[in-house]
Amino acid sequence: MKIHHLFLSILLIQTAPAVVPWTPAQVEQPAALAAQMKEKTGPVIIQVGFETLYRSNHISKSDYAGPASTAAGLEILRKKLSSIPRDADLVLYCGCCPFDKCPNVKPAFTLAKDMGFTKVKVLMIDKSLNDDWITKGYPTDSH
């Protein structure tokens, strides 16, 4: 009987929908962010993914904060966020893989909310930064 309960628990965990810490209103679409970037006071944009991705191509005016799926990356992000006003418009993105599989966005968003940011959003990179941003002609930089 115990094995049956264990199997049921594992099955429920595997089939349970992923819980996201943001609301639909806290998800920014690429076209909307690109339009906001044209304004004089656009949002603070931080890439929370892998450094190789940032160095090859990243959203213009974005800052790199390290992979938020690691303790070291979260600490870099914490330091970057510490000097930003808590009511600033903040957009976090990764772009390493499809949005629903990204290991970096959830921990970054959770940290920003825990630090008291009231206008934090995540950028919907449905497939990859290349497919959803670069090929659409939105502003990019490389280092």
Foldseek 3Di string as FASTA:
>chain_A
DVVVVVVVVVVCVVPPDDDAPDDPVQEAEQVRLLVQVVDPQRAAEEAQEDPVVQQAKDAPNYYYQYAQLDPNSVVSLCVVCVPPDLATQYEYEHFPAAPSPRSGPRSSVVSSVVVRRDRYHYYHNGGGCCVRPVVVPRHMDHD
